[in-house]
C-alpha cells in the first residue's frame, strides 16, 4: 500500500516538472515539481530502510 502512494506521488511530481519545462512561463512549476519529487523519493527510501532493519 505504501509503495502505491509513493509511486503515485512520484508520477504526479514528474508530470508537473515536465509540464513546467514544456510551458516556458511555468518554470516555477518545474522547480516545485522537482523538489517535491526528490523529497517524496527520499521519504520513500527512508521508510523502506526503516522496515528492512532486523
PDB file of N, CA and C in Angstrom:
ATOM      1  N   UNK A   1       0.831  -1.191   0.000  1.00  0.00           N
ATOM      2  CA  UNK A   1       0.000   0.000   0.000  1.00  0.00           C
ATOM      3  C   UNK A   1       0.870   1.247   0.000  1.00  0.00           C
ATOM      4  N   UNK A   2       1.900   1.260   0.848  1.00  0.00           N
ATOM      5  CA  UNK A   2       2.746   2.452   0.958  1.00  0.00           C
ATOM      6  C   UNK A   2       3.417   2.776  -0.367  1.00  0.00           C
ATOM      7  N   UNK A   3       3.862   1.739  -1.098  1.00  0.00           N
ATOM      8  CA  UNK A   3       4.565   1.981  -2.351  1.00  0.00           C
ATOM      9  C   UNK A   3       3.635   2.502  -3.428  1.00  0.00           C
ATOM     10  N   UNK A   4       2.348   2.186  -3.365  1.00  0.00           N
ATOM     11  CA  UNK A   4       1.389   2.735  -4.332  1.00  0.00           C
ATOM     12  C   UNK A   4       1.245   4.236  -4.136  1.00  0.00           C
ATOM     13  N   UNK A   5       1.211   4.676  -2.887  1.00  0.00           N
ATOM     14  CA  UNK A   5       1.101   6.104  -2.592  1.00  0.00           C
ATOM     15  C   UNK A   5       2.358   6.825  -3.053  1.00  0.00           C
ATOM     16  N   UNK A   6       3.520   6.294  -2.708  1.00  0.00           N
ATOM     17  CA  UNK A   6       4.792   6.906  -3.111  1.00  0.00           C
ATOM     18  C   UNK A   6       4.901   6.942  -4.635  1.00  0.00           C
ATOM     19  N   UNK A   7       4.574   5.850  -5.280  1.00  0.00           N
ATOM     20  CA  UNK A   7       4.630   5.790  -6.743  1.00  0.00           C
ATOM     21  C   UNK A   7       3.690   6.779  -7.396  1.00  0.00           C
ATOM     22  N   UNK A   8       2.491   6.917  -6.852  1.00  0.00           N
ATOM     23  CA  UNK A   8       1.529   7.877  -7.383  1.00  0.00           C
ATOM     24  C   UNK A   8       2.016   9.306  -7.234  1.00  0.00           C
ATOM     25  N   UNK A   9       2.556   9.621  -6.055  1.00  0.00           N
ATOM     26  CA  UNK A   9       3.083  10.966  -5.844  1.00  0.00           C
ATOM     27  C   UNK A   9       4.271  11.251  -6.757  1.00  0.00           C
ATOM     28  N   UNK A  10       5.159  10.276  -6.931  1.00  0.00           N
ATOM     29  CA  UNK A  10       6.296  10.468  -7.824  1.00  0.00           C
ATOM     30  C   UNK A  10       5.834  10.726  -9.255  1.00  0.00           C
ATOM     31  N   UNK A  11       4.797  10.019  -9.687  1.00  0.00           N
ATOM     32  CA  UNK A  11       4.258  10.229 -11.036  1.00  0.00           C
ATOM     33  C   UNK A  11       3.679  11.638 -11.177  1.00  0.00           C
ATOM     34  N   UNK A  12       2.941  12.086 -10.172  1.00  0.00           N
ATOM     35  CA  UNK A  12       2.354  13.436 -10.218  1.00  0.00           C
ATOM     36  C   UNK A  12       3.445  14.489 -10.268  1.00  0.00           C
ATOM     37  N   UNK A  13       4.468  14.352  -9.425  1.00  0.00           N
ATOM     38  CA  UNK A  13       5.551  15.354  -9.407  1.00  0.00           C
ATOM     39  C   UNK A  13       6.313  15.354 -10.727  1.00  0.00           C
ATOM     40  N   UNK A  14       6.485  14.180 -11.311  1.00  0.00           N
ATOM     41  CA  UNK A  14       7.179  14.092 -12.588  1.00  0.00           C
ATOM     42  C   UNK A  14       6.385  14.797 -13.687  1.00  0.00           C
ATOM     43  N   UNK A  15       5.083  14.593 -13.707  1.00  0.00           N
ATOM     44  CA  UNK A  15       4.225  15.255 -14.697  1.00  0.00           C
ATOM     45  C   UNK A  15       4.267  16.773 -14.509  1.00  0.00           C
ATOM     46  N   UNK A  16       4.215  17.240 -13.258  1.00  0.00           N
ATOM     47  CA  UNK A  16       4.291  18.677 -13.006  1.00  0.00           C
ATOM     48  C   UNK A  16       5.623  19.253 -13.464  1.00  0.00           C
ATOM     49  N   UNK A  17       6.695  18.532 -13.237  1.00  0.00           N
ATOM     50  CA  UNK A  17       8.013  19.007 -13.646  1.00  0.00           C
ATOM     51  C   UNK A  17       8.107  19.107 -15.168  1.00  0.00           C
ATOM     52  N   UNK A  18       7.638  18.090 -15.849  1.00  0.00           N
ATOM     53  CA  UNK A  18       7.686  18.097 -17.316  1.00  0.00           C
ATOM     54  C   UNK A  18       6.800  19.204 -17.861  1.00  0.00           C
ATOM     55  N   UNK A  19       5.628  19.375 -17.284  1.00  0.00           N
ATOM     56  CA  UNK A  19       4.732  20.448 -17.738  1.00  0.00           C
ATOM     57  C   UNK A  19       5.382  21.816 -17.533  1.00  0.00           C
ATOM     58  N   UNK A  20       6.087  21.980 -16.444  1.00  0.00           N
ATOM     59  CA  UNK A  20       6.776  23.242 -16.188  1.00  0.00           C
ATOM     60  C   UNK A  20       7.876  23.519 -17.187  1.00  0.00           C
ATOM     61  N   UNK A  21       8.573  22.479 -17.637  1.00  0.00           N
ATOM     62  CA  UNK A  21       9.635  22.667 -18.635  1.00  0.00           C
ATOM     63  C   UNK A  21       9.051  22.902 -20.018  1.00  0.00           C
ATOM     64  N   UNK A  22       7.943  22.241 -20.346  1.00  0.00           N
ATOM     65  CA  UNK A  22       7.340  22.383 -21.671  1.00  0.00           C
ATOM     66  C   UNK A  22       6.711  23.761 -21.834  1.00  0.00           C
ATOM     67  N   UNK A  23       6.009  24.196 -20.824  1.00  0.00           N
ATOM     68  CA  UNK A  23       5.363  25.515 -20.861  1.00  0.00           C
ATOM     69  C   UNK A  23       6.355  26.509 -20.268  1.00  0.00           C
ATOM     70  N   UNK A  24       6.985  27.289 -21.118  1.00  0.00           N
ATOM     71  CA  UNK A  24       8.105  28.141 -20.708  1.00  0.00           C
ATOM     72  C   UNK A  24       7.743  29.087 -19.556  1.00  0.00           C
ATOM     73  N   UNK A  25       6.538  29.575 -19.510  1.00  0.00           N
ATOM     74  CA  UNK A  25       6.144  30.522 -18.470  1.00  0.00           C
ATOM     75  C   UNK A  25       5.955  29.895 -17.100  1.00  0.00           C
ATOM     76  N   UNK A  26       6.005  28.575 -17.027  1.00  0.00           N
ATOM     77  CA  UNK A  26       5.754  27.900 -15.764  1.00  0.00           C
ATOM     78  C   UNK A  26       7.018  27.231 -15.219  1.00  0.00           C
ATOM     79  N   UNK A  27       8.139  27.929 -15.319  1.00  0.00           N
ATOM     80  CA  UNK A  27       9.398  27.398 -14.818  1.00  0.00           C
ATOM     81  C   UNK A  27       9.290  27.081 -13.329  1.00  0.00           C
ATOM     82  N   UNK A  28       8.563  27.909 -12.585  1.00  0.00           N
ATOM     83  CA  UNK A  28       8.396  27.682 -11.146  1.00  0.00           C
ATOM     84  C   UNK A  28       7.727  26.343 -10.875  1.00  0.00           C
ATOM     85  N   UNK A  29       6.844  25.926 -11.780  1.00  0.00           N
ATOM     86  CA  UNK A  29       6.167  24.641 -11.611  1.00  0.00           C
ATOM     87  C   UNK A  29       7.163  23.487 -11.758  1.00  0.00           C
ATOM     88  N   UNK A  30       8.108  23.634 -12.672  1.00  0.00           N
ATOM     89  CA  UNK A  30       9.141  22.616 -12.841  1.00  0.00           C
ATOM     90  C   UNK A  30      10.013  22.528 -11.594  1.00  0.00           C
ATOM     91  N   UNK A  31      10.350  23.664 -11.019  1.00  0.00           N
ATOM     92  CA  UNK A  31      11.192  23.680  -9.820  1.00  0.00           C
ATOM     93  C   UNK A  31      10.455  23.027  -8.647  1.00  0.00           C
ATOM     94  N   UNK A  32       9.212  23.415  -8.436  1.00  0.00           N
ATOM     95  CA  UNK A  32       8.423  22.837  -7.337  1.00  0.00           C
ATOM     96  C   UNK A  32       8.227  21.342  -7.545  1.00  0.00           C
ATOM     97  N   UNK A  33       7.902  20.931  -8.774  1.00  0.00           N
ATOM     98  CA  UNK A  33       7.726  19.505  -9.069  1.00  0.00           C
ATOM     99  C   UNK A  33       9.000  18.720  -8.825  1.00  0.00           C
ATOM    100  N   UNK A  34      10.128  19.287  -9.211  1.00  0.00           N
ATOM    101  CA  UNK A  34      11.410  18.610  -8.981  1.00  0.00           C
ATOM    102  C   UNK A  34      11.736  18.460  -7.514  1.00  0.00           C
ATOM    103  N   UNK A  35      11.506  19.518  -6.756  1.00  0.00           N
ATOM    104  CA  UNK A  35      11.773  19.475  -5.314  1.00  0.00           C
ATOM    105  C   UNK A  35      10.868  18.452  -4.632  1.00  0.00           C
ATOM    106  N   UNK A  36       9.594  18.457  -4.978  1.00  0.00           N
ATOM    107  CA  UNK A  36       8.657  17.511  -4.374  1.00  0.00           C
ATOM    108  C   UNK A  36       8.979  16.073  -4.790  1.00  0.00           C
ATOM    109  N   UNK A  37       9.440  15.878  -6.032  1.00  0.00           N
ATOM    110  CA  UNK A  37       9.832  14.545  -6.487  1.00  0.00           C
ATOM    111  C   UNK A  37      10.979  14.009  -5.646  1.00  0.00           C
ATOM    112  N   UNK A  38      11.999  14.825  -5.456  1.00  0.00           N
ATOM    113  CA  UNK A  38      13.165  14.409  -4.669  1.00  0.00           C
ATOM    114  C   UNK A  38      12.769  14.156  -3.213  1.00  0.00           C
ATOM    115  N   UNK A  39      11.928  15.028  -2.648  1.00  0.00           N
ATOM    116  CA  UNK A  39      11.509  14.862  -1.256  1.00  0.00           C
ATOM    117  C   UNK A  39      10.696  13.568  -1.075  1.00  0.00           C
ATOM    118  N   UNK A  40       9.787  13.299  -2.000  1.00  0.00           N
ATOM    119  CA  UNK A  40       8.975  12.085  -1.909  1.00  0.00           C
ATOM    120  C   UNK A  40       9.843  10.837  -2.053  1.00  0.00           C
ATOM    121  N   UNK A  41      10.799  10.866  -2.974  1.00  0.00           N
ATOM    122  CA  UNK A  41      11.701   9.734  -3.147  1.00  0.00           C
ATOM    123  C   UNK A  41      12.531   9.504  -1.885  1.00  0.00           C
ATOM    124  N   UNK A  42      12.978  10.584  -1.251  1.00  0.00           N
ATOM    125  CA  UNK A  42      13.771  10.465  -0.033  1.00  0.00           C
ATOM    126  C   UNK A  42      12.944   9.873   1.108  1.00  0.00           C
ATOM    127  N   UNK A  43      11.710  10.298   1.228  1.00  0.00           N
ATOM    128  CA  UNK A  43      10.837   9.760   2.282  1.00  0.00           C
ATOM    129  C   UNK A  43      10.576   8.282   2.032  1.00  0.00           C
ATOM    130  N   UNK A  44      10.294   7.915   0.785  1.00  0.00           N
ATOM    131  CA  UNK A  44      10.066   6.507   0.457  1.00  0.00           C
ATOM    132  C   UNK A  44      11.297   5.664   0.726  1.00  0.00           C
ATOM    133  N   UNK A  45      12.471   6.170   0.380  1.00  0.00           N
ATOM    134  CA  UNK A  45      13.721   5.449   0.619  1.00  0.00           C
ATOM    135  C   UNK A  45      13.964   5.285   2.115  1.00  0.00           C
ATOM    136  N   UNK A  46      13.708   6.335   2.891  1.00  0.00           N
ATOM    137  CA  UNK A  46      13.918   6.275   4.343  1.00  0.00           C
ATOM    138  C   UNK A  46      12.964   5.276   4.985  1.00  0.00           C
ATOM    139  N   UNK A  47      11.710   5.271   4.569  1.00  0.00           N
ATOM    140  CA  UNK A  47      10.739   4.328   5.139  1.00  0.00           C
ATOM    141  C   UNK A  47      11.114   2.893   4.783  1.00  0.00           C
ATOM    142  N   UNK A  48      11.594   2.695   3.575  1.00  0.00           N
ATOM    143  CA  UNK A  48      11.976   1.352   3.142  1.00  0.00           C
ATOM    144  C   UNK A  48      13.172   0.859   3.967  1.00  0.00           C
ATOM    145  N   UNK A  49      14.134   1.706   4.209  1.00  0.00           N
ATOM    146  CA  UNK A  49      15.314   1.322   5.000  1.00  0.00           C
ATOM    147  C   UNK A  49      14.919   1.037   6.440  1.00  0.00           C
ATOM    148  N   UNK A  50      13.936   1.750   6.951  1.00  0.00           N
ATOM    149  CA  UNK A  50      13.493   1.541   8.328  1.00  0.00           C
ATOM    150  C   UNK A  50      12.807   0.184   8.470  1.00  0.00           C
ATOM    151  N   UNK A  51      12.066  -0.251   7.462  1.00  0.00           N
ATOM    152  CA  UNK A  51      11.348  -1.529   7.529  1.00  0.00           C
ATOM    153  C   UNK A  51      12.280  -2.717   7.371  1.00  0.00           C
ATOM    154  N   UNK A  52      13.406  -2.545   6.691  1.00  0.00           N
ATOM    155  CA  UNK A  52      14.336  -3.643   6.468  1.00  0.00           C
ATOM    156  C   UNK A  52      15.137  -3.974   7.723  1.00  0.00           C
ATOM    157  N   UNK A  53      15.302  -3.033   8.630  1.00  0.00           N
ATOM    158  CA  UNK A  53      16.076  -3.265   9.841  1.00  0.00           C
ATOM    159  C   UNK A  53      15.569  -4.483  10.600  1.00  0.00           C
ATOM    160  N   UNK A  54      16.480  -5.327  11.062  1.00  0.00           N
ATOM    161  CA  UNK A  54      16.054  -6.520  11.824  1.00  0.00           C
ATOM    162  C   UNK A  54      15.608  -6.172  13.231  1.00  0.00           C
TER     163      UNK A  54
END
